[in-house]
Amino acid sequence: MTEKFLLDTNSFVTPYRQYYAFDLIPAYWKELAKSTHSGNLILLDMVKEEIDKGKDPLSQWLNEQTGFIICNHVSPEIILKYQEILQYIQTCGLYKEQALQQWAAGNAADPWLIAAAAVNKYTLITAEVPSGGLSIKTPNKYAKIPDVANAFGVKTSDLYYMMRQLGIII
């Protein structure tokens, strides 16, 4: 089975703002656009909506791409997994109430990304890094995608991993 990649919003916003500006490194965006037709790049509908809100060159570029597979987060399996994820945040002892409140907010894509990746066996691509040092003695105020994804057996990685797997060289 070919590895499929579900991309977090920051996998677009971070390169756009910090590494691969459209005017300086257009080759990155051209190569990524070519890879969208591989059928291996998945966008959660919520991520697309977040990027669309920007009404900037990034949202324009994304809307010009026809090859991304859009994953609807409102499916029975994904909703069930989402509930398990919130239950985990609430009961595992590693997070403060603030983490649950942030992830339970209706527009928070992070738990939905993990749920969709778990249900569909996607590799979740994110710029987030694990918090490193989760402890019941000192619960965190924030839940990080790699930490929670790991608890649900979801593989996470970064853009460079995905680029290597897809053969994107700029």
N, C-alpha and C. Protein backbone atom coordinates (compact mmCIF):
# COMPACT_ATOMS: atom_id res chain seq x y z
N MET A 1 0.84 -1.19 0.00
CA MET A 1 0.00 0.00 0.00
C MET A 1 0.89 1.25 0.00
N THR A 2 0.55 2.20 -0.82
CA THR A 2 1.31 3.45 -0.91
C THR A 2 0.97 4.34 0.28
N GLU A 3 2.00 4.94 0.87
CA GLU A 3 1.79 5.82 2.02
C GLU A 3 1.02 7.06 1.58
N LYS A 4 0.00 7.39 2.36
CA LYS A 4 -0.82 8.58 2.09
C LYS A 4 -0.57 9.58 3.21
N PHE A 5 -0.50 10.86 2.84
CA PHE A 5 -0.13 11.92 3.76
C PHE A 5 -1.30 12.87 3.99
N LEU A 6 -1.64 13.04 5.26
CA LEU A 6 -2.66 14.01 5.67
C LEU A 6 -1.90 15.22 6.21
N LEU A 7 -2.14 16.39 5.62
CA LEU A 7 -1.34 17.56 5.95
C LEU A 7 -2.05 18.50 6.92
N ASP A 8 -1.33 18.85 7.98
CA ASP A 8 -1.79 19.84 8.95
C ASP A 8 -1.69 21.23 8.31
N THR A 9 -2.48 22.16 8.79
CA THR A 9 -2.45 23.53 8.28
C THR A 9 -1.03 24.10 8.31
N ASN A 10 -0.29 23.83 9.39
CA ASN A 10 1.04 24.40 9.51
C ASN A 10 2.02 23.83 8.48
N SER A 11 1.66 22.72 7.83
CA SER A 11 2.50 22.18 6.77
C SER A 11 2.43 23.03 5.50
N PHE A 12 1.47 23.92 5.45
CA PHE A 12 1.37 24.88 4.36
C PHE A 12 1.80 26.27 4.82
N VAL A 13 1.29 26.68 5.98
CA VAL A 13 1.52 28.04 6.45
C VAL A 13 2.98 28.27 6.80
N THR A 14 3.61 27.33 7.48
CA THR A 14 5.01 27.51 7.88
C THR A 14 5.93 27.65 6.67
N PRO A 15 5.87 26.76 5.67
CA PRO A 15 6.73 26.97 4.50
C PRO A 15 6.40 28.27 3.77
N TYR A 16 5.11 28.58 3.67
CA TYR A 16 4.69 29.81 2.98
C TYR A 16 5.27 31.05 3.65
N ARG A 17 5.24 31.09 4.96
CA ARG A 17 5.69 32.28 5.68
C ARG A 17 7.18 32.29 5.99
N GLN A 18 7.81 31.11 6.14
CA GLN A 18 9.17 31.09 6.67
C GLN A 18 10.24 30.53 5.73
N TYR A 19 9.89 29.57 4.87
CA TYR A 19 10.95 28.89 4.13
C TYR A 19 10.84 29.02 2.62
N TYR A 20 9.64 28.89 2.09
CA TYR A 20 9.45 28.80 0.65
C TYR A 20 8.48 29.87 0.14
N ALA A 21 8.84 31.11 0.30
CA ALA A 21 7.99 32.21 -0.18
C ALA A 21 7.75 32.03 -1.68
N PHE A 22 6.53 32.29 -2.11
CA PHE A 22 6.16 32.10 -3.51
C PHE A 22 7.08 32.88 -4.46
N ASP A 23 7.47 34.08 -4.06
CA ASP A 23 8.28 34.91 -4.95
C ASP A 23 9.76 34.52 -4.95
N LEU A 24 10.21 33.82 -3.93
CA LEU A 24 11.63 33.46 -3.85
C LEU A 24 11.90 32.01 -4.26
N ILE A 25 11.00 31.12 -3.90
CA ILE A 25 11.22 29.69 -4.17
C ILE A 25 9.96 29.08 -4.77
N PRO A 26 9.58 29.54 -5.94
CA PRO A 26 8.37 29.01 -6.57
C PRO A 26 8.50 27.53 -6.93
N ALA A 27 9.73 27.04 -7.07
CA ALA A 27 9.94 25.63 -7.44
C ALA A 27 9.31 24.69 -6.41
N TYR A 28 9.36 25.05 -5.15
CA TYR A 28 8.75 24.19 -4.12
C TYR A 28 7.27 24.00 -4.40
N TRP A 29 6.58 25.09 -4.64
CA TRP A 29 5.13 25.04 -4.84
C TRP A 29 4.78 24.34 -6.15
N LYS A 30 5.62 24.49 -7.18
CA LYS A 30 5.39 23.80 -8.44
C LYS A 30 5.54 22.29 -8.26
N GLU A 31 6.58 21.89 -7.53
CA GLU A 31 6.81 20.46 -7.29
C GLU A 31 5.71 19.87 -6.41
N LEU A 32 5.31 20.61 -5.39
CA LEU A 32 4.22 20.13 -4.53
C LEU A 32 2.94 19.98 -5.34
N ALA A 33 2.67 20.94 -6.21
CA ALA A 33 1.47 20.89 -7.06
C ALA A 33 1.49 19.63 -7.93
N LYS A 34 2.66 19.29 -8.48
CA LYS A 34 2.77 18.07 -9.29
C LYS A 34 2.43 16.84 -8.46
N SER A 35 2.85 16.83 -7.20
CA SER A 35 2.62 15.67 -6.34
C SER A 35 1.16 15.51 -5.92
N THR A 36 0.38 16.57 -6.05
CA THR A 36 -1.03 16.45 -5.64
C THR A 36 -1.76 15.44 -6.51
N HIS A 37 -1.29 15.21 -7.70
CA HIS A 37 -1.97 14.29 -8.60
C HIS A 37 -1.58 12.83 -8.36
N SER A 38 -0.73 12.59 -7.39
CA SER A 38 -0.31 11.22 -7.08
C SER A 38 -1.41 10.46 -6.33
N GLY A 39 -2.37 11.19 -5.76
CA GLY A 39 -3.40 10.54 -4.95
C GLY A 39 -2.93 10.25 -3.53
N ASN A 40 -1.74 10.74 -3.20
CA ASN A 40 -1.16 10.48 -1.88
C ASN A 40 -1.26 11.65 -0.92
N LEU A 41 -1.78 12.79 -1.38
CA LEU A 41 -1.87 13.97 -0.54
C LEU A 41 -3.33 14.24 -0.19
N ILE A 42 -3.59 14.23 1.10
CA ILE A 42 -4.94 14.36 1.61
C ILE A 42 -5.06 15.65 2.40
N LEU A 43 -6.18 16.34 2.19
CA LEU A 43 -6.48 17.55 2.95
C LEU A 43 -7.76 17.32 3.74
N LEU A 44 -7.71 17.52 5.03
CA LEU A 44 -8.92 17.51 5.82
C LEU A 44 -9.72 18.75 5.45
N ASP A 45 -11.02 18.61 5.31
CA ASP A 45 -11.85 19.76 4.92
C ASP A 45 -11.64 20.95 5.85
N MET A 46 -11.40 20.69 7.13
CA MET A 46 -11.18 21.78 8.10
C MET A 46 -9.88 22.53 7.82
N VAL A 47 -8.86 21.83 7.38
CA VAL A 47 -7.58 22.46 7.04
C VAL A 47 -7.77 23.37 5.83
N LYS A 48 -8.48 22.88 4.83
CA LYS A 48 -8.73 23.71 3.65
C LYS A 48 -9.49 24.98 4.06
N GLU A 49 -10.47 24.83 4.93
CA GLU A 49 -11.24 26.00 5.39
C GLU A 49 -10.34 26.99 6.14
N GLU A 50 -9.44 26.47 6.98
CA GLU A 50 -8.52 27.36 7.73
C GLU A 50 -7.65 28.16 6.76
N ILE A 51 -7.12 27.49 5.76
CA ILE A 51 -6.24 28.18 4.80
C ILE A 51 -7.05 29.16 3.96
N ASP A 52 -8.26 28.77 3.57
CA ASP A 52 -9.12 29.66 2.77
C ASP A 52 -9.41 30.97 3.48
N LYS A 53 -9.48 30.95 4.79
CA LYS A 53 -9.76 32.17 5.57
C LYS A 53 -8.69 33.23 5.36
N GLY A 54 -7.46 32.79 5.00
CA GLY A 54 -6.36 33.73 4.82
C GLY A 54 -6.54 34.67 3.65
N LYS A 55 -7.27 34.24 2.63
CA LYS A 55 -7.47 35.06 1.42
C LYS A 55 -6.17 35.72 0.98
N ASP A 56 -5.15 34.89 0.84
CA ASP A 56 -3.81 35.35 0.49
C ASP A 56 -3.27 34.47 -0.64
N PRO A 57 -2.02 34.68 -1.06
CA PRO A 57 -1.47 33.84 -2.14
C PRO A 57 -1.50 32.34 -1.81
N LEU A 58 -1.36 31.98 -0.54
CA LEU A 58 -1.41 30.56 -0.18
C LEU A 58 -2.81 29.98 -0.42
N SER A 59 -3.83 30.69 0.00
CA SER A 59 -5.19 30.19 -0.23
C SER A 59 -5.51 30.15 -1.73
N GLN A 60 -4.99 31.12 -2.46
CA GLN A 60 -5.20 31.13 -3.91
C GLN A 60 -4.52 29.91 -4.54
N TRP A 61 -3.27 29.65 -4.16
CA TRP A 61 -2.54 28.49 -4.68
C TRP A 61 -3.30 27.20 -4.37
N LEU A 62 -3.74 27.06 -3.12
CA LEU A 62 -4.42 25.84 -2.71
C LEU A 62 -5.69 25.63 -3.54
N ASN A 63 -6.42 26.69 -3.77
CA ASN A 63 -7.66 26.57 -4.54
C ASN A 63 -7.43 26.29 -6.02
N GLU A 64 -6.23 26.53 -6.50
CA GLU A 64 -5.90 26.21 -7.89
C GLU A 64 -5.52 24.74 -8.06
N GLN A 65 -5.27 24.06 -6.95
CA GLN A 65 -4.84 22.66 -7.02
C GLN A 65 -6.07 21.75 -7.09
N THR A 66 -6.07 20.87 -8.06
CA THR A 66 -7.21 19.97 -8.21
C THR A 66 -6.90 18.54 -7.78
N GLY A 67 -5.65 18.28 -7.43
CA GLY A 67 -5.27 16.90 -7.14
C GLY A 67 -5.37 16.46 -5.69
N PHE A 68 -5.53 17.39 -4.76
CA PHE A 68 -5.65 16.99 -3.36
C PHE A 68 -6.93 16.18 -3.17
N ILE A 69 -6.84 15.13 -2.39
CA ILE A 69 -8.04 14.40 -1.99
C ILE A 69 -8.55 15.09 -0.73
N ILE A 70 -9.82 15.45 -0.72
CA ILE A 70 -10.40 16.13 0.44
C ILE A 70 -11.08 15.09 1.32
N CYS A 71 -10.71 15.08 2.58
CA CYS A 71 -11.27 14.16 3.56
C CYS A 71 -12.30 14.91 4.40
N ASN A 72 -13.53 14.47 4.34
CA ASN A 72 -14.60 15.06 5.14
C ASN A 72 -14.49 14.54 6.58
N HIS A 73 -14.37 15.45 7.54
CA HIS A 73 -14.18 15.01 8.93
C HIS A 73 -15.47 14.48 9.56
N VAL A 74 -16.60 14.72 8.93
CA VAL A 74 -17.87 14.30 9.53
C VAL A 74 -18.30 12.94 8.94
N SER A 75 -17.56 11.93 9.34
CA SER A 75 -17.97 10.56 9.01
C SER A 75 -18.13 9.83 10.34
N PRO A 76 -18.99 8.82 10.41
CA PRO A 76 -19.22 8.14 11.69
C PRO A 76 -17.94 7.60 12.34
N GLU A 77 -17.04 7.03 11.53
CA GLU A 77 -15.80 6.46 12.08
C GLU A 77 -14.89 7.54 12.64
N ILE A 78 -14.79 8.65 11.91
CA ILE A 78 -13.91 9.74 12.36
C ILE A 78 -14.49 10.41 13.60
N ILE A 79 -15.80 10.59 13.63
CA ILE A 79 -16.43 11.20 14.82
C ILE A 79 -16.19 10.33 16.05
N LEU A 80 -16.33 9.02 15.89
CA LEU A 80 -16.11 8.10 17.01
C LEU A 80 -14.67 8.19 17.52
N LYS A 81 -13.71 8.22 16.59
CA LYS A 81 -12.29 8.31 16.97
C LYS A 81 -12.01 9.67 17.62
N TYR A 82 -12.62 10.73 17.10
CA TYR A 82 -12.48 12.07 17.68
C TYR A 82 -12.92 12.05 19.15
N GLN A 83 -14.04 11.41 19.43
CA GLN A 83 -14.53 11.31 20.81
C GLN A 83 -13.55 10.55 21.69
N GLU A 84 -12.95 9.50 21.15
CA GLU A 84 -11.94 8.74 21.91
C GLU A 84 -10.73 9.62 22.22
N ILE A 85 -10.35 10.45 21.27
CA ILE A 85 -9.19 11.33 21.45
C ILE A 85 -9.47 12.35 22.56
N LEU A 86 -10.64 12.96 22.53
CA LEU A 86 -10.97 13.93 23.59
C LEU A 86 -11.06 13.23 24.94
N GLN A 87 -11.60 12.03 24.96
CA GLN A 87 -11.67 11.25 26.21
C GLN A 87 -10.26 10.98 26.74
N TYR A 88 -9.35 10.66 25.85
CA TYR A 88 -7.96 10.41 26.22
C TYR A 88 -7.34 11.67 26.84
N ILE A 89 -7.53 12.81 26.18
CA ILE A 89 -6.97 14.08 26.70
C ILE A 89 -7.51 14.34 28.11
N GLN A 90 -8.78 14.04 28.30
CA GLN A 90 -9.43 14.30 29.59
C GLN A 90 -8.98 13.34 30.68
N THR A 91 -8.72 12.08 30.34
CA THR A 91 -8.51 11.07 31.38
C THR A 91 -7.09 10.52 31.52
N CYS A 92 -6.20 10.81 30.58
CA CYS A 92 -4.87 10.19 30.64
C CYS A 92 -3.99 10.76 31.74
N GLY A 93 -4.32 11.96 32.23
CA GLY A 93 -3.55 12.56 33.32
C GLY A 93 -2.35 13.38 32.87
N LEU A 94 -2.10 13.42 31.58
CA LEU A 94 -0.93 14.14 31.07
C LEU A 94 -1.22 15.59 30.72
N TYR A 95 -2.52 15.95 30.72
CA TYR A 95 -2.90 17.29 30.27
C TYR A 95 -3.82 17.97 31.28
N LYS A 96 -3.70 19.28 31.32
CA LYS A 96 -4.59 20.09 32.16
C LYS A 96 -5.91 20.31 31.43
N GLU A 97 -6.89 20.81 32.16
CA GLU A 97 -8.21 21.08 31.60
C GLU A 97 -8.12 22.01 30.38
N GLN A 98 -7.18 22.93 30.41
CA GLN A 98 -6.99 23.89 29.32
C GLN A 98 -6.75 23.17 27.99
N ALA A 99 -5.99 22.09 28.00
CA ALA A 99 -5.71 21.33 26.77
C ALA A 99 -7.00 20.76 26.20
N LEU A 100 -7.83 20.21 27.07
CA LEU A 100 -9.11 19.65 26.62
C LEU A 100 -10.00 20.75 26.05
N GLN A 101 -10.06 21.88 26.72
CA GLN A 101 -10.89 22.98 26.24
C GLN A 101 -10.46 23.45 24.85
N GLN A 102 -9.15 23.53 24.64
CA GLN A 102 -8.64 23.97 23.33
C GLN A 102 -8.99 22.97 22.24
N TRP A 103 -8.80 21.69 22.53
CA TRP A 103 -9.04 20.68 21.51
C TRP A 103 -10.53 20.39 21.31
N ALA A 104 -11.34 20.67 22.31
CA ALA A 104 -12.78 20.43 22.18
C ALA A 104 -13.50 21.59 21.49
N ALA A 105 -12.79 22.69 21.29
CA ALA A 105 -13.40 23.82 20.57
C ALA A 105 -13.80 23.35 19.18
N GLY A 106 -14.94 23.75 18.73
CA GLY A 106 -15.48 23.26 17.47
C GLY A 106 -14.60 23.46 16.26
N ASN A 107 -13.76 24.49 16.26
CA ASN A 107 -12.93 24.78 15.09
C ASN A 107 -11.50 24.25 15.21
N ALA A 108 -11.18 23.52 16.27
CA ALA A 108 -9.83 22.98 16.46
C ALA A 108 -9.65 21.75 15.58
N ALA A 109 -8.77 21.86 14.60
CA ALA A 109 -8.58 20.77 13.64
C ALA A 109 -7.71 19.63 14.18
N ASP A 110 -6.85 19.91 15.16
CA ASP A 110 -5.88 18.91 15.61
C ASP A 110 -6.48 17.55 15.96
N PRO A 111 -7.50 17.48 16.83
CA PRO A 111 -8.04 16.15 17.15
C PRO A 111 -8.70 15.49 15.94
N TRP A 112 -9.28 16.28 15.06
CA TRP A 112 -9.90 15.74 13.86
C TRP A 112 -8.85 15.18 12.91
N LEU A 113 -7.71 15.84 12.81
CA LEU A 113 -6.62 15.34 11.99
C LEU A 113 -6.16 13.97 12.48
N ILE A 114 -5.96 13.86 13.78
CA ILE A 114 -5.52 12.58 14.35
C ILE A 114 -6.58 11.50 14.12
N ALA A 115 -7.85 11.86 14.32
CA ALA A 115 -8.93 10.90 14.12
C ALA A 115 -8.98 10.43 12.67
N ALA A 116 -8.89 11.36 11.73
CA ALA A 116 -8.94 10.99 10.31
C ALA A 116 -7.73 10.13 9.94
N ALA A 117 -6.55 10.49 10.45
CA ALA A 117 -5.34 9.71 10.16
C ALA A 117 -5.45 8.30 10.76
N ALA A 118 -5.99 8.20 11.96
CA ALA A 118 -6.13 6.89 12.60
C ALA A 118 -7.09 6.00 11.82
N VAL A 119 -8.23 6.54 11.47
CA VAL A 119 -9.26 5.77 10.77
C VAL A 119 -8.79 5.33 9.38
N ASN A 120 -8.09 6.23 8.68
CA ASN A 120 -7.71 5.97 7.28
C ASN A 120 -6.27 5.49 7.10
N LYS A 121 -5.55 5.34 8.19
CA LYS A 121 -4.14 4.88 8.14
C LYS A 121 -3.24 5.84 7.35
N TYR A 122 -3.47 7.14 7.56
CA TYR A 122 -2.65 8.16 6.92
C TYR A 122 -1.45 8.48 7.80
N THR A 123 -0.36 8.94 7.19
CA THR A 123 0.74 9.54 7.93
C THR A 123 0.41 11.01 8.05
N LEU A 124 0.44 11.52 9.27
CA LEU A 124 0.08 12.91 9.54
C LEU A 124 1.32 13.79 9.46
N ILE A 125 1.30 14.74 8.54
CA ILE A 125 2.44 15.65 8.34
C ILE A 125 2.15 16.96 9.06
N THR A 126 3.04 17.30 9.99
CA THR A 126 2.85 18.50 10.80
C THR A 126 4.20 19.13 11.13
N ALA A 127 4.18 20.42 11.39
CA ALA A 127 5.38 21.13 11.84
C ALA A 127 5.52 21.05 13.36
N GLU A 128 4.50 20.53 14.04
CA GLU A 128 4.57 20.40 15.50
C GLU A 128 5.58 19.32 15.87
N VAL A 129 6.21 19.52 17.01
CA VAL A 129 7.14 18.53 17.54
C VAL A 129 6.61 18.03 18.88
N PRO A 130 6.97 16.81 19.26
CA PRO A 130 6.50 16.30 20.56
C PRO A 130 6.94 17.21 21.70
N SER A 131 6.14 17.22 22.75
CA SER A 131 6.48 18.10 23.88
C SER A 131 7.68 17.58 24.65
N GLY A 132 7.96 16.31 24.60
CA GLY A 132 9.16 15.76 25.24
C GLY A 132 9.14 15.94 26.75
N GLY A 133 8.70 14.96 27.45
CA GLY A 133 8.67 15.06 28.90
C GLY A 133 7.26 15.12 29.46
N LEU A 134 6.33 14.47 28.83
CA LEU A 134 4.97 14.42 29.37
C LEU A 134 5.01 13.64 30.68
N SER A 135 4.32 14.18 31.68
CA SER A 135 4.34 13.56 33.00
C SER A 135 3.04 13.82 33.74
N ILE A 136 2.57 12.80 34.41
CA ILE A 136 1.37 12.96 35.24
C ILE A 136 1.65 13.94 36.38
N LYS A 137 2.90 14.00 36.82
CA LYS A 137 3.27 14.91 37.91
C LYS A 137 3.16 16.37 37.50
N THR A 138 3.44 16.64 36.23
CA THR A 138 3.35 18.02 35.72
C THR A 138 2.57 18.02 34.40
N PRO A 139 1.25 17.96 34.48
CA PRO A 139 0.44 17.92 33.26
C PRO A 139 0.63 19.18 32.40
N ASN A 140 0.57 18.99 31.09
CA ASN A 140 0.75 20.09 30.14
C ASN A 140 -0.54 20.87 29.92
N LYS A 141 -0.36 22.16 29.62
CA LYS A 141 -1.51 23.01 29.29
C LYS A 141 -1.93 22.80 27.84
N TYR A 142 -1.00 22.29 27.03
CA TYR A 142 -1.26 22.15 25.60
C TYR A 142 -1.02 20.71 25.17
N ALA A 143 -1.90 20.21 24.33
CA ALA A 143 -1.70 18.90 23.72
C ALA A 143 -1.03 19.11 22.37
N LYS A 144 -0.05 18.29 22.06
CA LYS A 144 0.67 18.38 20.79
C LYS A 144 0.28 17.19 19.91
N ILE A 145 0.10 17.46 18.64
CA ILE A 145 -0.31 16.42 17.70
C ILE A 145 0.58 15.17 17.79
N PRO A 146 1.91 15.29 17.73
CA PRO A 146 2.72 14.06 17.74
C PRO A 146 2.52 13.20 19.00
N ASP A 147 2.34 13.84 20.13
CA ASP A 147 2.16 13.09 21.38
C ASP A 147 0.85 12.32 21.39
N VAL A 148 -0.23 12.99 21.05
CA VAL A 148 -1.54 12.35 21.08
C VAL A 148 -1.65 11.34 19.94
N ALA A 149 -1.14 11.68 18.78
CA ALA A 149 -1.17 10.75 17.65
C ALA A 149 -0.45 9.45 18.01
N ASN A 150 0.67 9.56 18.68
CA ASN A 150 1.43 8.39 19.08
C ASN A 150 0.60 7.48 19.98
N ALA A 151 -0.17 8.07 20.87
CA ALA A 151 -1.02 7.29 21.77
C ALA A 151 -2.09 6.51 21.00
N PHE A 152 -2.40 6.95 19.78
CA PHE A 152 -3.41 6.28 18.95
C PHE A 152 -2.80 5.51 17.78
N GLY A 153 -1.48 5.33 17.83
CA GLY A 153 -0.81 4.55 16.80
C GLY A 153 -0.74 5.23 15.44
N VAL A 154 -0.85 6.56 15.43
CA VAL A 154 -0.79 7.32 14.18
C VAL A 154 0.64 7.80 13.95
N LYS A 155 1.17 7.49 12.78
CA LYS A 155 2.51 7.94 12.41
C LYS A 155 2.46 9.43 12.07
N THR A 156 3.38 10.19 12.64
CA THR A 156 3.52 11.60 12.29
C THR A 156 4.94 11.83 11.77
N SER A 157 5.06 12.82 10.92
CA SER A 157 6.38 13.21 10.45
C SER A 157 6.31 14.64 9.95
N ASP A 158 7.44 15.09 9.38
CA ASP A 158 7.52 16.48 8.93
C ASP A 158 7.52 16.57 7.41
N LEU A 159 7.54 17.79 6.91
CA LEU A 159 7.51 18.02 5.46
C LEU A 159 8.67 17.37 4.74
N TYR A 160 9.86 17.39 5.33
CA TYR A 160 11.01 16.82 4.64
C TYR A 160 10.85 15.32 4.44
N TYR A 161 10.26 14.64 5.41
CA TYR A 161 9.99 13.22 5.25
C TYR A 161 9.06 13.01 4.06
N MET A 162 7.97 13.78 4.03
CA MET A 162 7.01 13.64 2.94
C MET A 162 7.67 13.96 1.59
N MET A 163 8.45 15.02 1.54
CA MET A 163 9.12 15.39 0.30
C MET A 163 10.03 14.26 -0.19
N ARG A 164 10.75 13.64 0.73
CA ARG A 164 11.63 12.52 0.34
C ARG A 164 10.80 11.35 -0.19
N GLN A 165 9.72 11.03 0.48
CA GLN A 165 8.88 9.91 0.05
C GLN A 165 8.26 10.15 -1.32
N LEU A 166 7.90 11.39 -1.61
CA LEU A 166 7.27 11.73 -2.88
C LEU A 166 8.28 12.11 -3.97
N GLY A 167 9.57 12.19 -3.60
CA GLY A 167 10.60 12.55 -4.57
C GLY A 167 10.59 14.02 -4.95
N ILE A 168 10.14 14.87 -4.02
CA ILE A 168 10.12 16.32 -4.29
C ILE A 168 11.51 16.87 -4.00
N ILE A 169 12.17 17.33 -5.05
CA ILE A 169 13.51 17.93 -4.91
C ILE A 169 13.45 19.30 -5.58
N ILE A 170 13.89 20.32 -4.84
CA ILE A 170 13.87 21.67 -5.42
C ILE A 170 15.27 22.23 -5.50
